[in-house]
Protein backbone atom coordinates (compact mmCIF):
# COMPACT_ATOMS: atom_id res chain seq x y z
CA UNK A 1 -0.03 0.06 0.00
CA UNK A 2 2.76 2.38 0.87
CA UNK A 3 4.33 1.91 -2.54
CA UNK A 4 1.04 3.13 -4.08
CA UNK A 5 1.09 6.31 -1.89
CA UNK A 6 4.69 6.99 -2.81
CA UNK A 7 3.86 6.53 -6.45
CA UNK A 8 1.01 9.03 -6.26
CA UNK A 9 3.23 11.53 -4.45
CA UNK A 10 5.85 10.99 -7.23
CA UNK A 11 3.21 11.74 -9.85
CA UNK A 12 1.89 14.96 -8.17
CA UNK A 13 5.53 16.19 -7.44
CA UNK A 14 6.68 15.60 -10.98
CA UNK A 15 3.43 17.34 -12.33
CA UNK A 16 3.96 20.36 -10.00
CA UNK A 17 7.79 20.68 -10.44
CA UNK A 18 7.49 20.49 -14.33
CA UNK A 19 4.85 23.23 -14.21
CA UNK A 20 7.36 25.43 -12.15
CA UNK A 21 10.12 24.56 -14.61
CA UNK A 22 7.98 25.60 -17.45
CA UNK A 23 7.60 28.97 -15.94
CA UNK A 24 11.35 29.22 -15.02
CA UNK A 25 12.47 28.12 -18.57
CA UNK A 26 10.43 30.87 -20.14
CA UNK A 27 11.87 33.47 -17.81
CA UNK A 28 15.44 32.09 -18.11
CA UNK A 29 15.34 31.75 -21.86
CA UNK A 30 16.19 28.13 -21.80
CA UNK A 31 14.27 27.54 -25.00
CA UNK A 32 14.56 25.10 -27.90
CA UNK A 33 14.44 27.13 -31.03
CA UNK A 34 13.48 25.25 -34.23
CA UNK A 35 16.14 24.63 -36.97
CA UNK A 36 16.29 22.52 -40.01
CA UNK A 37 16.69 19.29 -37.97
CA UNK A 38 13.86 19.92 -35.64
CA UNK A 39 10.45 18.30 -35.59
CA UNK A 40 8.76 21.27 -33.90
CA UNK A 41 7.99 24.62 -35.49
CA UNK A 42 7.66 26.96 -32.46
CA UNK A 43 10.23 27.90 -29.70
CA UNK A 44 9.58 25.49 -26.88
CA UNK A 45 11.00 25.60 -23.25
CA UNK A 46 13.34 22.69 -22.46
CA UNK A 47 15.13 21.20 -19.49
CA UNK A 48 11.87 19.86 -18.09
CA UNK A 49 13.54 16.53 -17.46
CA UNK A 50 15.05 18.13 -14.42
CA UNK A 51 11.72 17.45 -12.66
CA UNK A 52 11.99 13.78 -13.46
CA UNK A 53 15.69 13.61 -12.17
CA UNK A 54 14.78 15.34 -8.94
CA UNK A 55 11.60 13.40 -8.15
CA UNK A 56 12.98 10.01 -9.14
CA UNK A 57 16.15 10.54 -7.00
CA UNK A 58 14.16 11.64 -4.13
CA UNK A 59 11.87 8.62 -4.44
CA UNK A 60 14.82 6.27 -4.64
CA UNK A 61 16.24 7.94 -1.55
CA UNK A 62 13.02 7.40 0.35
CA UNK A 63 12.83 3.72 -0.69
CA UNK A 64 16.43 3.17 0.51
CA UNK A 65 15.87 5.07 3.83
CA UNK A 66 12.84 2.93 4.41
CA UNK A 67 14.75 -0.22 3.83
CA UNK A 68 12.84 -1.13 0.70
CA UNK A 69 15.76 -0.66 -1.71
CA UNK A 70 19.29 -2.22 -1.52
CA UNK A 71 22.40 -0.23 -1.60
CA UNK A 72 23.75 -1.96 -4.79
CA UNK A 73 20.70 -0.84 -6.70
CA UNK A 74 20.53 2.62 -4.99
CA UNK A 75 24.06 3.57 -5.74
CA UNK A 76 23.87 3.43 -9.56
CA UNK A 77 20.39 4.87 -9.69
CA UNK A 78 21.45 7.86 -7.59
CA UNK A 79 25.19 8.40 -8.41
CA UNK A 80 25.11 7.13 -11.98
CA UNK A 81 21.77 8.78 -12.69
CA UNK A 82 22.77 12.11 -11.39
CA UNK A 83 26.08 12.07 -13.30
CA UNK A 84 24.25 11.26 -16.57
CA UNK A 85 21.66 13.90 -15.91
CA UNK A 86 24.45 16.51 -15.18
CA UNK A 87 26.26 15.98 -18.40
CA UNK A 88 22.87 15.94 -20.18
CA UNK A 89 21.94 19.32 -18.77
CA UNK A 90 25.37 20.66 -19.63
CA UNK A 91 24.64 19.59 -23.22
CA UNK A 92 21.23 21.24 -23.16
CA UNK A 93 22.68 24.58 -22.11
CA UNK A 94 26.23 24.73 -23.60
CA UNK A 95 26.65 21.64 -25.85
CA UNK A 96 29.07 19.41 -23.91
CA UNK A 97 31.96 17.76 -25.86
CA UNK A 98 31.14 14.28 -27.15
CA UNK A 99 34.29 12.92 -25.33
CA UNK A 100 32.93 14.10 -21.97
CA UNK A 101 29.48 12.66 -22.69
CA UNK A 102 30.78 9.35 -23.69
CA UNK A 103 33.23 9.26 -20.62
CA UNK A 104 30.36 9.92 -18.21
CA UNK A 105 28.02 7.56 -19.87
CA UNK A 106 30.63 4.79 -19.73
CA UNK A 107 31.52 5.49 -16.18
CA UNK A 108 27.85 5.32 -15.13
CA UNK A 109 27.50 2.04 -16.96
CA UNK A 110 30.54 0.57 -15.41
CA UNK A 111 29.29 1.66 -11.90
CA UNK A 112 25.90 -0.14 -12.52
CA UNK A 113 27.64 -3.32 -13.59
CA UNK A 114 30.09 -3.18 -10.69
CA UNK A 115 27.25 -2.76 -8.20
CA UNK A 116 24.74 -5.22 -9.66
CA UNK A 117 26.88 -7.67 -11.60
CA UNK A 118 25.70 -9.18 -14.81
CA UNK A 119 24.73 -12.53 -16.18
CA UNK A 120 27.72 -14.89 -16.77
CA UNK A 121 25.37 -17.33 -18.54
CA UNK A 122 22.42 -16.88 -20.87
CA UNK A 123 19.76 -19.27 -21.61
CA UNK A 124 18.90 -19.93 -25.34
CA UNK A 125 16.25 -22.60 -25.66
CA UNK A 126 17.60 -25.73 -23.92
CA UNK A 127 21.10 -24.59 -24.11
CA UNK A 128 23.23 -22.45 -21.66
CA UNK A 129 25.91 -20.01 -23.08
CA UNK A 130 28.60 -19.20 -20.75
CA UNK A 131 29.59 -15.61 -21.29
CA UNK A 132 32.25 -15.19 -18.70
CA UNK A 133 33.89 -11.88 -18.52
CA UNK A 134 32.23 -11.00 -21.78
CA UNK A 135 28.94 -10.73 -19.88
CA UNK A 136 30.09 -7.64 -18.03
CA UNK A 137 31.41 -6.04 -21.29
CA UNK A 138 28.11 -6.61 -22.91
CA UNK A 139 26.23 -5.31 -19.75
CA UNK A 140 28.27 -1.98 -20.04
CA UNK A 141 27.67 -1.73 -23.77
CA UNK A 142 23.92 -2.46 -23.37
CA UNK A 143 23.47 0.25 -20.70
CA UNK A 144 25.37 2.77 -22.80
CA UNK A 145 23.19 1.94 -25.84
CA UNK A 146 19.89 2.15 -23.88
CA UNK A 147 20.96 5.41 -22.37
CA UNK A 148 21.69 6.91 -25.74
CA UNK A 149 18.80 5.51 -27.62
CA UNK A 150 16.33 7.46 -25.45
CA UNK A 151 18.25 10.45 -26.50
CA UNK A 152 17.99 9.58 -30.11
CA UNK A 153 14.26 8.78 -29.97
CA UNK A 154 13.20 11.92 -27.96
CA UNK A 155 12.42 13.80 -31.16
CA UNK A 156 8.58 14.33 -31.12
CA UNK A 157 6.19 15.52 -28.39
CA UNK A 158 5.37 12.87 -25.77
CA UNK A 159 7.10 9.81 -27.29
CA UNK A 160 9.99 9.39 -24.95
CA UNK A 161 7.96 9.95 -21.71
CA UNK A 162 5.13 7.70 -22.79
CA UNK A 163 7.56 4.92 -24.03
CA UNK A 164 9.34 5.05 -20.68
CA UNK A 165 5.96 4.91 -18.76
CA UNK A 166 4.92 1.85 -20.87
CA UNK A 167 8.22 -0.02 -20.34
CA UNK A 168 8.32 0.68 -16.58
CA UNK A 169 4.73 -0.08 -15.92
CA UNK A 170 4.90 -3.09 -18.24
CA UNK A 171 7.93 -4.43 -16.29
CA UNK A 172 6.09 -3.89 -12.99
CA UNK A 173 3.03 -5.56 -14.31
CA UNK A 174 5.05 -8.54 -15.50
CA UNK A 175 6.75 -8.66 -12.03
CA UNK A 176 3.40 -8.56 -10.16
CA UNK A 177 1.20 -10.71 -12.20
CA UNK A 178 3.59 -13.13 -14.07
CA UNK A 179 6.72 -13.41 -11.93
CA UNK A 180 4.76 -13.13 -8.58
CA UNK A 181 7.09 -10.34 -7.33
CA UNK A 182 6.03 -8.31 -4.42
CA UNK A 183 5.20 -4.56 -4.68
CA UNK A 184 8.36 -3.62 -3.02
CA UNK A 185 10.46 -5.48 -5.66
CA UNK A 186 8.92 -3.39 -8.44
CA UNK A 187 8.80 -0.14 -6.49
CA UNK A 188 11.49 1.57 -8.69
CA UNK A 189 9.44 0.79 -11.78
CA UNK A 190 6.21 2.11 -10.29
CA UNK A 191 7.74 5.35 -8.94
CA UNK A 192 9.68 6.30 -12.08
CA UNK A 193 6.64 5.38 -14.32
CA UNK A 194 4.51 7.74 -12.13
CA UNK A 195 7.12 10.43 -12.57
CA UNK A 196 6.93 10.02 -16.24
CA UNK A 197 3.14 10.38 -16.29
CA UNK A 198 3.44 13.62 -14.26
CA UNK A 199 5.78 15.03 -16.79
CA UNK A 200 3.79 13.77 -19.68
CA UNK A 201 0.96 16.06 -18.77
CA UNK A 202 3.08 18.89 -19.93
CA UNK A 203 4.94 17.17 -22.70
CA UNK A 204 1.95 15.64 -24.49
CA UNK A 205 1.35 17.02 -27.98
CA UNK A 206 1.52 19.88 -28.50
CA UNK A 207 4.27 19.89 -25.92
CA UNK A 208 4.54 22.82 -23.57
CA UNK A 209 8.07 21.84 -22.50
CA UNK A 210 10.73 19.41 -23.70
CA UNK A 211 12.64 17.01 -21.34
CA UNK A 212 16.00 17.65 -22.97
CA UNK A 213 19.07 15.57 -22.80
CA UNK A 214 18.95 15.92 -19.01
CA UNK A 215 15.76 13.85 -18.91
CA UNK A 216 16.05 11.46 -21.90
CA UNK A 217 19.57 10.16 -20.93
CA UNK A 218 18.56 9.99 -17.25
CA UNK A 219 15.46 7.95 -18.12
CA UNK A 220 17.41 5.67 -20.49
CA UNK A 221 20.00 4.98 -17.81
CA UNK A 222 17.43 4.33 -14.99
CA UNK A 223 15.44 1.92 -17.18
CA UNK A 224 18.65 0.09 -18.03
CA UNK A 225 19.76 -0.25 -14.38
CA UNK A 226 16.29 -1.43 -13.41
CA UNK A 227 16.24 -3.99 -16.20
CA UNK A 228 19.66 -5.21 -15.27
CA UNK A 229 18.81 -5.55 -11.53
CA UNK A 230 15.43 -7.25 -12.43
CA UNK A 231 16.98 -9.74 -14.75
CA UNK A 232 19.36 -10.81 -11.90
CA UNK A 233 16.84 -10.92 -9.03
CA UNK A 234 13.51 -12.05 -10.62
CA UNK A 235 12.06 -14.10 -13.49
CA UNK A 236 11.83 -11.17 -15.80
CA UNK A 237 14.62 -11.98 -18.24
CA UNK A 238 16.67 -9.89 -20.57
CA UNK A 239 14.54 -10.82 -23.58
CA UNK A 240 11.34 -9.66 -21.89
CA UNK A 241 12.88 -6.17 -21.24
CA UNK A 242 14.09 -6.04 -24.82
CA UNK A 243 10.61 -6.84 -26.03
CA UNK A 244 9.04 -4.15 -23.82
CA UNK A 245 11.40 -1.46 -25.33
CA UNK A 246 10.97 -2.96 -28.80
CA UNK A 247 9.77 0.21 -30.58
CA UNK A 248 12.84 2.28 -29.47
CA UNK A 249 15.38 -0.58 -29.85
CA UNK A 250 14.16 -1.36 -33.45
CA UNK A 251 13.95 2.18 -34.77
CA UNK A 252 17.15 3.50 -33.09
CA UNK A 253 19.22 0.44 -33.95
CA UNK A 254 18.03 0.17 -37.59
CA UNK A 255 18.66 3.97 -38.12
CA UNK A 256 22.06 3.72 -36.50
CA UNK A 257 23.19 0.75 -38.68
CA UNK A 258 22.01 2.36 -42.01
CA UNK A 259 23.70 5.63 -41.12
CA UNK A 260 26.97 3.83 -40.13
CA UNK A 261 26.88 1.97 -43.44
CA UNK A 262 26.77 5.30 -45.28
CA UNK A 263 29.76 6.63 -43.18
CA UNK A 264 27.66 9.36 -41.45
CA UNK A 265 28.50 10.83 -38.08
CA UNK A 266 26.09 9.13 -35.84
CA UNK A 267 26.09 11.96 -33.26
CA UNK A 268 25.02 14.56 -35.88
CA UNK A 269 21.40 15.71 -35.53
CA UNK A 270 19.04 14.20 -38.09
CA UNK A 271 15.36 13.47 -38.89
CA UNK A 272 15.75 10.04 -40.37
CA UNK A 273 14.10 7.83 -37.59
CA UNK A 274 10.92 6.01 -38.73
CA UNK A 275 8.93 7.97 -35.96
CA UNK A 276 10.10 11.31 -37.29
CA UNK A 277 9.18 10.53 -40.81
CA UNK A 278 5.76 9.30 -39.92
CA UNK A 279 5.17 12.47 -37.90
CA UNK A 280 6.03 14.48 -41.00
CA UNK A 281 3.95 12.27 -43.30
CA UNK A 282 0.89 12.27 -41.01
CA UNK A 283 1.29 15.90 -39.89
CA UNK A 284 0.81 14.88 -36.29
CA UNK A 285 2.99 14.12 -33.33
CA UNK A 286 0.08 12.78 -31.26
CA UNK A 287 -0.93 10.22 -33.90
CA UNK A 288 2.64 8.59 -33.85
CA UNK A 289 2.78 8.68 -30.01
CA UNK A 290 -0.57 7.09 -29.70
CA UNK A 291 0.28 4.39 -32.25
CA UNK A 292 3.55 3.64 -30.30
CA UNK A 293 1.49 3.32 -27.01
CA UNK A 294 -0.98 0.92 -28.72
CA UNK A 295 1.93 -1.22 -30.05
CA UNK A 296 3.37 -1.32 -26.63
CA UNK A 297 0.14 -2.43 -24.92
CA UNK A 298 -1.54 -4.58 -27.59
CA UNK A 299 1.52 -6.41 -29.04
CA UNK A 300 4.68 -6.07 -27.07
CA UNK A 301 3.37 -6.45 -23.53
CA UNK A 302 1.71 -9.76 -24.18
CA UNK A 303 4.88 -10.91 -26.00
CA UNK A 304 6.90 -10.04 -22.97
CA UNK A 305 4.59 -11.83 -20.71
CA UNK A 306 5.01 -15.01 -22.79
CA UNK A 307 8.82 -14.54 -22.60
CA UNK A 308 8.63 -14.49 -18.89
CA UNK A 309 6.22 -17.38 -18.65
CA UNK A 310 8.19 -19.53 -21.05
CA UNK A 311 11.88 -18.56 -20.58
CA UNK A 312 13.25 -21.49 -22.64
CA UNK A 313 11.52 -19.88 -25.70
CA UNK A 314 12.20 -16.26 -24.68
CA UNK A 315 14.67 -15.76 -27.54
CA UNK A 316 12.32 -16.89 -30.23
CA UNK A 317 9.43 -15.03 -28.70
CA UNK A 318 11.61 -11.92 -28.87
CA UNK A 319 12.48 -12.43 -32.49
CA UNK A 320 8.76 -12.94 -33.24
CA UNK A 321 7.91 -9.81 -31.40
CA UNK A 322 10.53 -7.57 -32.93
CA UNK A 323 10.40 -8.94 -36.54
CA UNK A 324 7.23 -7.09 -37.59
CA UNK A 325 8.45 -3.99 -35.96
CA UNK A 326 11.68 -4.18 -37.88
CA UNK A 327 9.75 -4.61 -41.22
CA UNK A 328 7.48 -1.62 -40.48
CA UNK A 329 10.37 0.49 -39.41
CA UNK A 330 12.18 -0.22 -42.55
CA UNK A 331 9.21 0.41 -44.82
CA UNK A 332 8.58 3.62 -42.93
CA UNK A 333 12.11 4.77 -43.94
CA UNK A 334 14.03 4.33 -40.70
CA UNK A 335 17.67 5.46 -41.47
CA UNK A 336 17.07 6.29 -45.05
CA UNK A 337 18.78 9.46 -46.30
CA UNK A 338 16.65 12.65 -46.25
């Protein structure tokens, strides 16, 4: 019951703090002005992700102080999360050097793997693959990629906050109703998901405020850390989390691969993701965001539940779940030159 009250408080605090940041951003001129690479047409305040960082961090601190969260999980969520948020805010305000961003992201990922460990073996059907030390390397790379793909995919109104909420609440639902976890075990998912909903009230199309890199990088990192911890301590395996975030994984990965093959600088701003193309084609951010939410709820969440219920077939369920998304993203022009 207490987790429910903390989640409600997190929602209300995120809602109120984002409203205050909206007013401050206008006064302080922290505004995202449209350019040739933008998907919006009017100057819009940014940096709203600060509210998610503050409320989520406070929520994690409350859980730890109450004995409901372990130190190995609290440390990366707080220390790693704040470092990622800090370099993201620097980038929002003054454009931080790529080397600095990469170093901070890598350090936060290493901290998470050091604190939580990572799988040395992975189950594929009836076989067990021994990853050894490579498991830690893959864990660091996976966290770094999830962190950055949320930044890449935060390009139209509402999409990143709603995707994060779907993934987090989906993970909590799988834990409670499929893996038979206790509410305390899924408390980080519930609280961070509630924070996303509070922010989404102001970020829903047409967005009154953007989360900025401070919010997108932080969200990606927090989700990666929660997924890593969950895959170590409950029946929610890696493949189930991959399915839950399938829309972002597929579009971001396909776009990145096609741009790399063309020799483009992958950190250069662009508008070639499938969701960006669809937003221009349909002339609506809300339509694309709603379609993403529907895909998450109607297709990906049931597939993730199957992956948890039948872990021996999780890899094949993951392939089945993501294959149609890959086809749709490719046909929608994901990564195709403008």
